Amino acid sequence: MIGRTPPGPSAIHPETSMHRRVLLLSASLACAAFVALPARAADPAPLRVGVEGAYPPFSSVGPDGQIKGFDIDIAKALCEQIKAQCTLVQLDFDGMIPALQARKIDMIVASMSITPERLKVVDFSDKYYTTPNRLIAKAGSAIDGSAAGFKGRKVGVQRATIHDRYATAKFTGASIVRYAKQDEIYLDLAAGRIDATLVDAIAGNEGFLKTPAGKGFAFVGPEFDDPQIFGKGAGIAVRKSDAALRDRLNAAIQAIRADGRYKVIAARYFDFDIYGK
């Protein structure tokens, strides 16, 4: 009969028996070591930070392809302060709040002004800087902020910004031309395809007037500061449900201002107090 009879105890080779005992002992020690390790909490998920990259000196993409600027350095300092791993997510400005609400990002650090309108849909940290808003046009232009000066003129604004909202509401007589990025506005302004742009004064000065393309252009008219539209400074937007994150960011802003990190970052880009009153 063809078959296989299990070997008896005498058939087990002594070396094989010893090898099994060693394996069992090793396994027992490994289990004991595993049980002795303390439980480790899972690492928190990284925070995804919405940034723009087309708004110098607050954010821009360098020749090396890396995003840089005041907003970027502030975002990194705050993430370090709250001990969070952060990932930068570059987006067009008008897509940032929808992305935040859709949970594609967790916060926005993109020079976004804290306005009553935005506060209806998102929450904000305390401000991290304040700047005025100005018109830029050809030096000596008839555009001076008055209704008469705007008649028949084209004013470029970045879509879904406070400048878009203000120009649409107040610059009667002008044709409002909307763009995805402020850099695109500067190109059309220099080429004469539009007559003026309403922009953050610092961004306009650093990103356009101080560049070769800005030669012959200047700030015109008054500063614009209607708090109902322009708000009270730039803050970090978070979802309404993320009050804990907002509070951590507020404490972090206070911390980097108190220990001097904010001042060091600001000095890389500005020769004045960007924080404001």
Foldseek 3Di string as FASTA:
>chain_A
DDDDDDDDPVPDDPVNVVVVVVVVVVVVVVVVVVVPDDDDDDDDDAAEEEEAQFQPQQWHQDPVRDIDHLLVLLVVLLCVQLVGHYHYDHDQPVCVLVCQVVVVGFKYRYFAADAPVVVVFWDWAPFLFDFWKFKKFFVVQLDAPDLVSQAPFEEEEEPPGLQQVCCVPRNPNHHYDYDRHVLVVLVCRLVVVGGMYIGGPLSCVVVACPDPSNPRMDTHHDIDDDCNRRNDHGTMIGHPVPVVVSVSSNVSSVVCVVVVVSVVSVVVHDPDGRRYD
